[in-house]
Protein backbone atom coordinates (compact mmCIF):
# COMPACT_ATOMS: atom_id res chain seq x y z
CA MET A 1 81.90 80.48 142.10
CA THR A 2 84.20 79.28 139.32
CA GLY A 3 83.27 78.52 135.77
CA ALA A 4 84.70 77.70 132.37
CA GLY A 5 85.51 81.32 131.65
CA ASP A 6 87.93 81.64 134.60
CA GLY A 7 90.10 78.64 133.76
CA ALA A 8 88.35 76.22 136.12
CA HIS A 9 88.03 72.63 134.96
CA VAL A 10 85.30 70.26 136.05
CA ASP A 11 86.47 66.65 136.37
CA ALA A 12 83.38 64.47 136.02
CA SER A 13 85.32 61.28 135.27
CA HIS A 14 84.54 59.89 138.71
CA ALA A 15 80.88 60.91 138.76
CA THR A 16 78.26 58.19 139.15
CA LEU A 17 75.36 58.78 136.81
CA PRO A 18 71.97 57.08 137.20
CA GLY A 19 70.53 54.84 134.51
CA ALA A 20 71.11 55.65 130.88
CA LEU A 21 72.49 59.09 131.74
CA ALA A 22 75.94 57.51 131.87
CA GLU A 23 75.59 56.87 128.12
CA PHE A 24 74.62 60.44 127.14
CA ARG A 25 76.88 62.70 125.13
CA LEU A 26 76.31 65.87 123.17
CA ASP A 27 75.19 65.08 119.63
CA HIS A 28 74.39 68.55 118.33
CA VAL A 29 73.15 72.04 119.08
CA ALA A 30 70.43 73.31 116.74
CA ILE A 31 70.05 76.94 115.71
CA ALA A 32 66.79 78.11 114.10
CA VAL A 33 67.12 80.63 111.26
CA ALA A 34 64.79 82.04 108.63
CA ASP A 35 67.33 81.65 105.79
CA LEU A 36 69.74 78.70 105.68
CA ASP A 37 72.45 80.48 103.68
CA ALA A 38 72.46 83.64 105.79
CA GLY A 39 72.24 81.60 108.98
CA SER A 40 75.24 79.52 107.92
CA GLU A 41 77.57 82.48 107.30
CA PRO A 42 78.71 82.92 110.94
CA TRP A 43 79.58 79.23 111.29
CA LEU A 44 81.58 79.31 108.06
CA ALA A 45 83.33 82.51 109.18
CA LEU A 46 84.26 80.77 112.44
CA GLY A 47 85.97 78.10 110.36
CA LEU A 48 83.55 75.22 110.90
CA ALA A 49 83.43 72.68 108.08
CA ARG A 50 80.15 71.51 106.59
CA HIS A 51 79.11 67.97 107.44
CA GLY A 52 77.45 66.34 104.45
CA ALA A 53 74.78 67.78 102.22
CA ASP A 54 71.75 69.74 103.36
CA GLU A 55 68.89 67.46 104.32
CA VAL A 56 65.14 67.93 104.41
CA VAL A 57 63.42 66.40 107.44
CA ALA A 58 59.86 66.59 106.15
CA ASP A 59 58.32 65.25 109.37
CA GLN A 60 59.73 68.26 111.23
CA GLY A 61 59.21 70.74 108.37
CA VAL A 62 62.87 71.81 108.17
CA ARG A 63 65.92 71.88 105.96
CA VAL A 64 69.07 71.14 107.98
CA ARG A 65 72.68 72.12 107.33
CA ALA A 66 75.25 70.64 109.70
CA PHE A 67 78.71 71.86 110.69
CA VAL A 68 81.41 69.90 112.52
CA LEU A 69 82.39 71.15 115.97
CA GLY A 70 84.76 68.65 117.59
CA ASP A 71 82.84 65.45 118.31
CA ALA A 72 79.48 67.19 117.92
CA LEU A 73 77.62 69.19 115.30
CA ILE A 74 76.01 72.59 114.96
CA GLU A 75 72.78 72.14 113.00
CA VAL A 76 71.28 75.18 111.32
CA LEU A 77 67.52 74.69 110.83
CA ALA A 78 65.34 76.62 108.40
CA PRO A 79 61.60 76.02 108.07
CA LEU A 80 60.24 74.66 104.80
CA GLY A 81 57.17 76.88 105.11
CA PRO A 82 55.05 78.88 107.56
CA ASP A 83 53.79 75.79 109.41
CA GLY A 84 55.78 73.55 111.71
CA ALA A 85 57.52 73.86 115.04
CA VAL A 86 60.59 75.75 113.80
CA ALA A 87 58.47 78.26 111.86
CA ARG A 88 56.37 78.88 115.00
CA PHE A 89 59.55 79.19 117.08
CA LEU A 90 60.94 81.84 114.71
CA ALA A 91 57.63 83.76 114.69
CA ARG A 92 57.57 83.87 118.51
CA ARG A 93 61.25 84.25 119.39
CA GLY A 94 63.24 85.03 116.27
CA PRO A 95 66.43 83.23 115.30
CA GLY A 96 68.52 81.50 117.93
CA LEU A 97 69.09 78.36 119.95
CA HIS A 98 66.30 75.89 119.21
CA HIS A 99 67.40 72.74 121.02
CA VAL A 100 70.24 70.74 122.51
CA ALA A 101 70.52 67.12 121.36
CA LEU A 102 71.90 64.31 123.48
CA ARG A 103 72.98 61.01 121.97
CA VAL A 104 71.69 57.88 123.70
CA ALA A 105 72.46 54.24 123.03
CA ASP A 106 68.85 52.97 123.19
CA LEU A 107 66.20 55.62 122.61
CA ARG A 108 63.17 53.43 123.37
CA SER A 109 64.63 52.37 126.72
CA GLU A 110 65.53 55.97 127.55
CA LEU A 111 62.00 57.16 126.76
CA HIS A 112 60.56 54.48 129.06
CA ARG A 113 63.02 55.42 131.81
CA LEU A 114 62.21 59.13 131.54
CA ASP A 115 58.48 58.43 131.43
CA ARG A 116 58.76 56.46 134.70
CA LEU A 117 60.58 59.47 136.21
CA GLY A 118 57.68 61.74 135.22
CA ALA A 119 59.42 63.57 132.38
CA GLU A 120 57.17 65.56 130.08
CA LEU A 121 57.79 63.90 126.73
CA ILE A 122 56.77 65.44 123.43
CA ASP A 123 57.41 62.14 121.69
CA ARG A 124 56.57 58.87 123.41
CA ALA A 125 57.98 56.86 120.52
CA PRO A 126 61.02 57.52 118.30
CA ARG A 127 60.63 59.15 114.91
CA LEU A 128 63.01 59.52 111.99
CA GLY A 129 65.54 62.35 112.20
CA ARG A 130 68.43 63.68 110.11
CA ALA A 131 70.87 61.18 108.61
CA GLY A 132 68.67 58.18 109.43
CA THR A 133 68.78 58.71 113.19
CA LEU A 134 65.91 58.01 115.58
CA VAL A 135 64.86 61.03 117.64
CA ALA A 136 62.42 62.09 120.34
CA PHE A 137 61.92 65.39 122.12
CA VAL A 138 61.58 66.23 125.81
CA HIS A 139 59.44 69.28 126.61
CA PRO A 140 61.25 72.43 127.77
CA ARG A 141 58.86 72.75 130.73
CA TRP A 142 60.53 69.66 132.20
CA THR A 143 64.11 70.69 131.43
CA GLY A 144 64.04 74.23 132.78
CA GLY A 145 63.29 76.00 129.51
CA THR A 146 65.46 74.14 126.98
CA LEU A 147 64.01 71.83 124.35
CA VAL A 148 66.02 68.59 124.46
CA GLU A 149 66.23 66.12 121.60
CA LEU A 150 67.33 62.55 122.30
CA VAL A 151 69.17 60.95 119.36
CA GLU A 152 69.96 57.32 118.63
CA VAL A 153 72.40 56.72 115.81
CA ARG A 154 71.51 53.47 114.14
CA ALA A 155 74.14 51.13 112.72
CA ALA A 156 74.69 51.65 109.04
CA GLU A 157 72.90 49.18 106.85
CA PRO A 158 75.14 47.05 104.64
CA VAL A 159 75.65 48.30 101.12
CA ARG A 160 73.76 46.18 98.63
CA SER A 161 75.09 45.74 95.13
């Protein structure tokens, strides 16, 4: 078996993907940490640049710091308090990979498509995410153990003067 570590390259340019899957791309990888500053140190040491200011996503109970990694981001998540999904994750598993986020063109349509396929959805409707995005989560039981976030980047609203 060959893999990325042995110099093999996978050419998926000719692959036919069903439905909205053809529109997916990696948006970000999220790392859960107890302390945002300490959890950011390795990414800074690796030379990744910060992407914008820290942001509180109150609905998810986290403060997020993003770093640029090519066309995607590394998001470092720290809980705002002892409640919330990320706080529970840290209590059970400690710091580490929290979720993988895939960008989709139309989140509502993708949720309907996945629901018809029998996907176990945590969110059946989009909610507000970081930087004004719409997000929804797919349960790790359905994805083989990895929490997946679907992200729709909305067009920027015109600046009003």
